[in-house]
Amino acid sequence: MPITSHNTAGLIVIGNEILKGEIQDINTNFLCKRLWSLGVKVKRVSIIADDVTEIKEEVQKFSYKYDYVFTSGGIGPTYDDVTMEAIAAAFKDELQPKAELVNKLKSYYNTTDLTATQIRLATIPTRCQVKYSKSGKLLLPLYQMENVFILPGVPKFLKSLFKIFEDEYSTKIRQFYKKVIYLSVSEIEIAERFNKVSHDYSGRVDFGSYPVFDNSQYKVKITIESSDENDLKEGYECLLGLLGQDSIINLDEGSSDSGEARPKALSYREFLDEVKNEKHPNSKIIQEALRVMARAVEQYSLNGIAVAFNGGKDCTVLLHMFHCFVKSRFLEQLPKIKAIYTKSEETFTEMDEFVAECVDRYNLDLTTINLSMKAALEEYSTKQSEVKAVIIGTRRTDPYSGQLTPFCMTDGDWPAYIRIHPILDWSYSEIWQFLRYSSVPYCSLYDFGYTSLGGTHNTKPNPSLKRSKNEIEESKIDGKLEVEPLLHLDGYYYLPAYFLIEDELERAGRT
């Protein structure tokens, strides 16, 4: 089924624990965002119990009304996991162990005789399709029964399996377009003008107005969305004209997933002025980093330098500074910054998304290579032979980095590049101080308790940021916690990365 601006979706969240409030549902937020990015409108979300009849009836109703249906939860090995049974009943099918799933489980558990509990994981409706990830490294597939996609309830696994759906439909995307306006006045003050524009563009542009009562920076957030880029631009400019500039706050549209509003990042002139006048809390180490960058450009020229960028916090700091430096040196026409992004099947989807956002933000000439860093540099050397140096966000606390200097050659068996390390002696705390003070957008995974990003196979939320529900409530009362933790896993909450105090525990989430 081709995706158009008219495709719709319904989400069915299944689980007694959700209805009891024992577990916070973050899957709905994820699915709504990702489906919207695919050009699919979520029309309804239903949260129901682990009850076969309820699930069956809801699936039948949603399957009839919407183009796509996504269920989450209830597909584990225990007898309260009844989603598969309900799906079979909804489509008048029966459950049977699927041979290919049985074989995969035998291989995974290294046995020829699966237990009854293990066999339940391989038992699905007979007409159910199985769709595997491109890497083939996920144990179980995405299940599809007609227009119903069956997902697990655990957020980590749900995200991985949803990528299978994305990969299949990515070539059929007709995206929506969106702009955001933040206002310093109350909703009642702009209601009449807002209503007029909403009426005038009805059917072409969707306007949303959301009052905010606990934010010192703005009082209303307005979203403008359309499947037509020209309609969006027209509606946006019309609304801006009616609102007037005095009421508009200059905030970054890509604010964090934690809900914490971030002021728009300083212009490069404002940033460099703050650093020069030592008004920035990181002024001294920024000045040293900029001196390293200046020396690099002087020796190798901008055309002879590439930035190694994978969306992590360290290289985000590095790229932001380098972009400001380049803009200050090339005032008339800003050249593109060469960048290399090495990724694999284990790369987090969130990192892919963030890197894509940074291409426009930092005017990048990005080369993406699906290889290890060493092999990627070998391939890159054939594509960009003029590049002789690579700026890297390595810090001295990274593995095997204790003896590095700001300028050093790659090891003997690597492609010959000068490695440039402008932030070599920065600490974890200084990285976060820079990002937050300068209002630099960063990868959303850091708001979910991740502090050091590798791949999906070896990276987890940092256990040092794990808190019980009581600890979270006490922190709110004491005024130590101003944001709501986004990740709730196994009965615990995880604070955002910038709450980590002990620098030496930065990699505690890496295995």
Foldseek 3Di string as FASTA:
>chain_A
DFADLPAEEEEEEEAPCCVVVLFPQPVVVVVCVVCQQQNYHYDYYHYDYLDLVVLLVVCLVRVVPGQAYEYEALQALDPSSCNQVSVCVNVVFDKDQDVVLLVLLCVVVVHPDDDSSSSSNRIHTPQKDFFDDPVNPDSGGFIDDNRYTYYYHDVLRRQLRVVSVCVVRVVSGQHKDKDKWFWADACVVCVVVVVVLCVVCPPAKDKDWDADDPAPQGGIMIMIMGSDPVSSVVSVVSSCVSVDPVTTAQWDPCAAPLPHTFRDFDQLVVVVVCLVVVVQPCNVLLVQLLVLVVVCCVVQNQLQEEEEDQQALLSLLVLVSNLSSQCVVDVPDRAAHEYEHEAESQARPLSVVNVVVVCVVSVHPYDYDDDPPQVSVVVVCVVRVSHAAYEYSAECLPPPNVPDDQWDFDDDVGPTHIYGHSCHHPFLLNSVSCCRVSVRDGRNVLQQQQQDDDGNVWFDRQPVQKAAPVVVVVCVVVVNDDTDFSDAPPRIGGGGNNVDDDRNSSCNRTD
